[in-house]
């Protein structure tokens, strides 16, 4: 990808980057209760990896 990115493309990439992050840690006890230990990545709506799925930006 080019070094200089058009602002609209950069905004799209930034949005995709935010979507792949884990959910906040406090969502786990909020959903399951205090005793259950679950990975916060489960609550992320959109999961994407740079290896698996490419972005049409």
PDB file of N, CA and C in Angstrom:
ATOM      1  N   UNK A   1       0.844  -1.181   0.000  1.00  0.00           N
ATOM      2  CA  UNK A   1       0.000   0.000   0.000  1.00  0.00           C
ATOM      3  C   UNK A   1       0.890   1.244   0.000  1.00  0.00           C
ATOM      4  N   UNK A   2       0.380   2.311  -0.552  1.00  0.00           N
ATOM      5  CA  UNK A   2       1.170   3.535  -0.676  1.00  0.00           C
ATOM      6  C   UNK A   2       1.491   4.131   0.698  1.00  0.00           C
ATOM      7  N   UNK A   3       2.597   4.859   0.738  1.00  0.00           N
ATOM      8  CA  UNK A   3       2.986   5.527   1.981  1.00  0.00           C
ATOM      9  C   UNK A   3       1.979   6.622   2.320  1.00  0.00           C
ATOM     10  N   UNK A   4       1.631   7.425   1.297  1.00  0.00           N
ATOM     11  CA  UNK A   4       0.617   8.459   1.505  1.00  0.00           C
ATOM     12  C   UNK A   4      -0.749   7.837   1.297  1.00  0.00           C
ATOM     13  N   UNK A   5      -1.593   7.940   2.307  1.00  0.00           N
ATOM     14  CA  UNK A   5      -2.951   7.396   2.209  1.00  0.00           C
ATOM     15  C   UNK A   5      -3.946   8.537   2.157  1.00  0.00           C
ATOM     16  N   UNK A   6      -4.892   8.436   1.251  1.00  0.00           N
ATOM     17  CA  UNK A   6      -5.944   9.440   1.146  1.00  0.00           C
ATOM     18  C   UNK A   6      -6.735   9.439   2.451  1.00  0.00           C
ATOM     19  N   UNK A   7      -7.164  10.610   2.931  1.00  0.00           N
ATOM     20  CA  UNK A   7      -7.865  10.673   4.226  1.00  0.00           C
ATOM     21  C   UNK A   7      -9.079   9.753   4.332  1.00  0.00           C
ATOM     22  N   UNK A   8      -9.837   9.597   3.241  1.00  0.00           N
ATOM     23  CA  UNK A   8     -11.025   8.738   3.301  1.00  0.00           C
ATOM     24  C   UNK A   8     -10.625   7.270   3.461  1.00  0.00           C
ATOM     25  N   UNK A   9      -9.563   6.873   2.753  1.00  0.00           N
ATOM     26  CA  UNK A   9      -9.082   5.501   2.880  1.00  0.00           C
ATOM     27  C   UNK A   9      -8.539   5.256   4.288  1.00  0.00           C
ATOM     28  N   UNK A  10      -7.822   6.244   4.807  1.00  0.00           N
ATOM     29  CA  UNK A  10      -7.249   6.123   6.142  1.00  0.00           C
ATOM     30  C   UNK A  10      -8.352   5.983   7.191  1.00  0.00           C
ATOM     31  N   UNK A  11      -9.447   6.711   7.011  1.00  0.00           N
ATOM     32  CA  UNK A  11     -10.583   6.622   7.942  1.00  0.00           C
ATOM     33  C   UNK A  11     -11.214   5.237   7.894  1.00  0.00           C
ATOM     34  N   UNK A  12     -11.341   4.676   6.681  1.00  0.00           N
ATOM     35  CA  UNK A  12     -11.913   3.329   6.539  1.00  0.00           C
ATOM     36  C   UNK A  12     -11.032   2.288   7.225  1.00  0.00           C
ATOM     37  N   UNK A  13      -9.714   2.403   7.030  1.00  0.00           N
ATOM     38  CA  UNK A  13      -8.788   1.460   7.656  1.00  0.00           C
ATOM     39  C   UNK A  13      -8.820   1.574   9.173  1.00  0.00           C
ATOM     40  N   UNK A  14      -8.930   2.807   9.669  1.00  0.00           N
ATOM     41  CA  UNK A  14      -8.975   3.024  11.121  1.00  0.00           C
ATOM     42  C   UNK A  14     -10.226   2.388  11.721  1.00  0.00           C
ATOM     43  N   UNK A  15     -11.338   2.478  11.007  1.00  0.00           N
ATOM     44  CA  UNK A  15     -12.591   1.886  11.494  1.00  0.00           C
ATOM     45  C   UNK A  15     -12.464   0.363  11.559  1.00  0.00           C
ATOM     46  N   UNK A  16     -11.883  -0.231  10.525  1.00  0.00           N
ATOM     47  CA  UNK A  16     -11.698  -1.684  10.502  1.00  0.00           C
ATOM     48  C   UNK A  16     -10.771  -2.139  11.627  1.00  0.00           C
ATOM     49  N   UNK A  17      -9.754  -1.333  11.916  1.00  0.00           N
ATOM     50  CA  UNK A  17      -8.813  -1.670  12.989  1.00  0.00           C
ATOM     51  C   UNK A  17      -9.521  -1.689  14.334  1.00  0.00           C
ATOM     52  N   UNK A  18     -10.416  -0.712  14.544  1.00  0.00           N
ATOM     53  CA  UNK A  18     -11.160  -0.653  15.810  1.00  0.00           C
ATOM     54  C   UNK A  18     -12.100  -1.841  15.957  1.00  0.00           C
ATOM     55  N   UNK A  19     -12.669  -2.312  14.843  1.00  0.00           N
ATOM     56  CA  UNK A  19     -13.642  -3.398  14.901  1.00  0.00           C
ATOM     57  C   UNK A  19     -13.010  -4.730  15.294  1.00  0.00           C
ATOM     58  N   UNK A  20     -11.706  -4.903  15.049  1.00  0.00           N
ATOM     59  CA  UNK A  20     -11.081  -6.196  15.333  1.00  0.00           C
ATOM     60  C   UNK A  20     -10.558  -6.289  16.758  1.00  0.00           C
ATOM     61  N   UNK A  21     -10.609  -5.208  17.519  1.00  0.00           N
ATOM     62  CA  UNK A  21     -10.103  -5.238  18.887  1.00  0.00           C
ATOM     63  C   UNK A  21     -11.023  -6.062  19.793  1.00  0.00           C
ATOM     64  N   UNK A  22     -10.451  -6.556  20.890  1.00  0.00           N
ATOM     65  CA  UNK A  22     -11.261  -7.271  21.864  1.00  0.00           C
ATOM     66  C   UNK A  22     -12.244  -6.326  22.531  1.00  0.00           C
ATOM     67  N   UNK A  23     -13.307  -6.904  23.032  1.00  0.00           N
ATOM     68  CA  UNK A  23     -14.264  -6.135  23.825  1.00  0.00           C
ATOM     69  C   UNK A  23     -13.596  -5.771  25.156  1.00  0.00           C
ATOM     70  N   UNK A  24     -14.084  -4.751  25.855  1.00  0.00           N
ATOM     71  CA  UNK A  24     -13.507  -4.388  27.150  1.00  0.00           C
ATOM     72  C   UNK A  24     -13.635  -5.537  28.163  1.00  0.00           C
ATOM     73  N   UNK A  25     -12.679  -5.627  29.070  1.00  0.00           N
ATOM     74  CA  UNK A  25     -12.624  -6.741  30.022  1.00  0.00           C
ATOM     75  C   UNK A  25     -13.851  -6.786  30.929  1.00  0.00           C
ATOM     76  N   UNK A  26     -14.465  -5.615  31.203  1.00  0.00           N
ATOM     77  CA  UNK A  26     -15.582  -5.599  32.145  1.00  0.00           C
ATOM     78  C   UNK A  26     -16.872  -6.160  31.535  1.00  0.00           C
ATOM     79  N   UNK A  27     -16.893  -6.433  30.228  1.00  0.00           N
ATOM     80  CA  UNK A  27     -18.095  -7.030  29.621  1.00  0.00           C
ATOM     81  C   UNK A  27     -18.278  -8.476  30.061  1.00  0.00           C
ATOM     82  N   UNK A  28     -17.173  -9.150  30.429  1.00  0.00           N
ATOM     83  CA  UNK A  28     -17.262 -10.576  30.796  1.00  0.00           C
ATOM     84  C   UNK A  28     -18.097 -10.771  32.059  1.00  0.00           C
ATOM     85  N   UNK A  29     -17.750 -10.134  33.200  1.00  0.00           N
ATOM     86  CA  UNK A  29     -18.619 -10.324  34.375  1.00  0.00           C
ATOM     87  C   UNK A  29     -20.018  -9.747  34.188  1.00  0.00           C
ATOM     88  N   UNK A  30     -20.131  -8.723  33.358  1.00  0.00           N
ATOM     89  CA  UNK A  30     -21.457  -8.111  33.123  1.00  0.00           C
ATOM     90  C   UNK A  30     -22.386  -9.114  32.434  1.00  0.00           C
ATOM     91  N   UNK A  31     -21.857  -9.881  31.491  1.00  0.00           N
ATOM     92  CA  UNK A  31     -22.680 -10.828  30.736  1.00  0.00           C
ATOM     93  C   UNK A  31     -22.857 -12.143  31.486  1.00  0.00           C
ATOM     94  N   UNK A  32     -21.755 -12.712  32.005  1.00  0.00           N
ATOM     95  CA  UNK A  32     -21.792 -14.070  32.552  1.00  0.00           C
ATOM     96  C   UNK A  32     -21.859 -14.149  34.067  1.00  0.00           C
ATOM     97  N   UNK A  33     -21.564 -13.045  34.752  1.00  0.00           N
ATOM     98  CA  UNK A  33     -21.483 -13.100  36.209  1.00  0.00           C
ATOM     99  C   UNK A  33     -20.023 -13.148  36.646  1.00  0.00           C
ATOM    100  N   UNK A  34     -19.824 -13.052  37.959  1.00  0.00           N
ATOM    101  CA  UNK A  34     -18.476 -12.875  38.491  1.00  0.00           C
ATOM    102  C   UNK A  34     -17.588 -14.109  38.353  1.00  0.00           C
ATOM    103  N   UNK A  35     -18.165 -15.306  38.445  1.00  0.00           N
ATOM    104  CA  UNK A  35     -17.364 -16.525  38.496  1.00  0.00           C
ATOM    105  C   UNK A  35     -16.847 -17.029  37.164  1.00  0.00           C
ATOM    106  N   UNK A  36     -17.516 -16.699  36.081  1.00  0.00           N
ATOM    107  CA  UNK A  36     -17.180 -17.276  34.775  1.00  0.00           C
ATOM    108  C   UNK A  36     -15.994 -16.566  34.143  1.00  0.00           C
ATOM    109  N   UNK A  37     -15.035 -17.345  33.638  1.00  0.00           N
ATOM    110  CA  UNK A  37     -13.878 -16.751  32.972  1.00  0.00           C
ATOM    111  C   UNK A  37     -13.952 -17.042  31.482  1.00  0.00           C
ATOM    112  N   UNK A  38     -14.188 -15.998  30.716  1.00  0.00           N
ATOM    113  CA  UNK A  38     -14.325 -16.122  29.269  1.00  0.00           C
ATOM    114  C   UNK A  38     -13.431 -15.066  28.630  1.00  0.00           C
ATOM    115  N   UNK A  39     -12.898 -15.373  27.467  1.00  0.00           N
ATOM    116  CA  UNK A  39     -12.041 -14.411  26.769  1.00  0.00           C
ATOM    117  C   UNK A  39     -12.887 -13.273  26.200  1.00  0.00           C
ATOM    118  N   UNK A  40     -12.452 -12.010  26.385  1.00  0.00           N
ATOM    119  CA  UNK A  40     -13.247 -10.877  25.892  1.00  0.00           C
ATOM    120  C   UNK A  40     -13.344 -10.812  24.370  1.00  0.00           C
ATOM    121  N   UNK A  41     -12.499 -11.563  23.673  1.00  0.00           N
ATOM    122  CA  UNK A  41     -12.586 -11.595  22.206  1.00  0.00           C
ATOM    123  C   UNK A  41     -13.894 -12.197  21.709  1.00  0.00           C
ATOM    124  N   UNK A  42     -14.556 -12.943  22.572  1.00  0.00           N
ATOM    125  CA  UNK A  42     -15.852 -13.535  22.197  1.00  0.00           C
ATOM    126  C   UNK A  42     -16.913 -12.476  21.919  1.00  0.00           C
ATOM    127  N   UNK A  43     -16.802 -11.343  22.598  1.00  0.00           N
ATOM    128  CA  UNK A  43     -17.853 -10.327  22.483  1.00  0.00           C
ATOM    129  C   UNK A  43     -17.573  -9.304  21.397  1.00  0.00           C
ATOM    130  N   UNK A  44     -16.518  -9.530  20.609  1.00  0.00           N
ATOM    131  CA  UNK A  44     -16.197  -8.619  19.523  1.00  0.00           C
ATOM    132  C   UNK A  44     -17.112  -8.944  18.352  1.00  0.00           C
ATOM    133  N   UNK A  45     -17.776  -7.926  17.821  1.00  0.00           N
ATOM    134  CA  UNK A  45     -18.768  -8.151  16.774  1.00  0.00           C
ATOM    135  C   UNK A  45     -18.118  -8.625  15.480  1.00  0.00           C
ATOM    136  N   UNK A  46     -17.100  -7.926  15.010  1.00  0.00           N
ATOM    137  CA  UNK A  46     -16.461  -8.253  13.741  1.00  0.00           C
ATOM    138  C   UNK A  46     -15.063  -8.776  14.030  1.00  0.00           C
ATOM    139  N   UNK A  47     -14.784 -10.002  13.623  1.00  0.00           N
ATOM    140  CA  UNK A  47     -13.455 -10.560  13.813  1.00  0.00           C
ATOM    141  C   UNK A  47     -12.773 -10.658  12.445  1.00  0.00           C
ATOM    142  N   UNK A  48     -11.562 -10.105  12.372  1.00  0.00           N
ATOM    143  CA  UNK A  48     -10.831 -10.154  11.119  1.00  0.00           C
ATOM    144  C   UNK A  48      -9.349 -10.231  11.435  1.00  0.00           C
ATOM    145  N   UNK A  49      -8.633 -11.005  10.646  1.00  0.00           N
ATOM    146  CA  UNK A  49      -7.189 -11.112  10.820  1.00  0.00           C
ATOM    147  C   UNK A  49      -6.503 -10.653   9.547  1.00  0.00           C
ATOM    148  N   UNK A  50      -5.340 -10.076   9.686  1.00  0.00           N
ATOM    149  CA  UNK A  50      -4.600  -9.598   8.515  1.00  0.00           C
ATOM    150  C   UNK A  50      -4.161 -10.750   7.631  1.00  0.00           C
ATOM    151  N   UNK A  51      -4.079 -11.952   8.202  1.00  0.00           N
ATOM    152  CA  UNK A  51      -3.710 -13.105   7.379  1.00  0.00           C
ATOM    153  C   UNK A  51      -4.915 -13.665   6.623  1.00  0.00           C
ATOM    154  N   UNK A  52      -6.027 -13.828   7.324  1.00  0.00           N
ATOM    155  CA  UNK A  52      -7.184 -14.517   6.743  1.00  0.00           C
ATOM    156  C   UNK A  52      -7.960 -13.650   5.760  1.00  0.00           C
ATOM    157  N   UNK A  53      -8.457 -12.518   6.249  1.00  0.00           N
ATOM    158  CA  UNK A  53      -9.403 -11.718   5.471  1.00  0.00           C
ATOM    159  C   UNK A  53      -8.789 -10.379   5.111  1.00  0.00           C
ATOM    160  N   UNK A  54      -8.852 -10.025   3.848  1.00  0.00           N
ATOM    161  CA  UNK A  54      -8.299  -8.750   3.387  1.00  0.00           C
ATOM    162  C   UNK A  54      -9.400  -7.698   3.326  1.00  0.00           C
ATOM    163  N   UNK A  55      -8.981  -6.436   3.374  1.00  0.00           N
ATOM    164  CA  UNK A  55      -9.922  -5.307   3.322  1.00  0.00           C
ATOM    165  C   UNK A  55      -9.890  -4.712   1.934  1.00  0.00           C
ATOM    166  N   UNK A  56     -11.046  -4.446   1.387  1.00  0.00           N
ATOM    167  CA  UNK A  56     -11.124  -3.753   0.094  1.00  0.00           C
ATOM    168  C   UNK A  56     -11.133  -2.258   0.355  1.00  0.00           C
ATOM    169  N   UNK A  57      -9.959  -1.702   0.614  1.00  0.00           N
ATOM    170  CA  UNK A  57      -9.887  -0.277   0.961  1.00  0.00           C
ATOM    171  C   UNK A  57      -9.468   0.567  -0.215  1.00  0.00           C
TER     172      UNK A  57
END
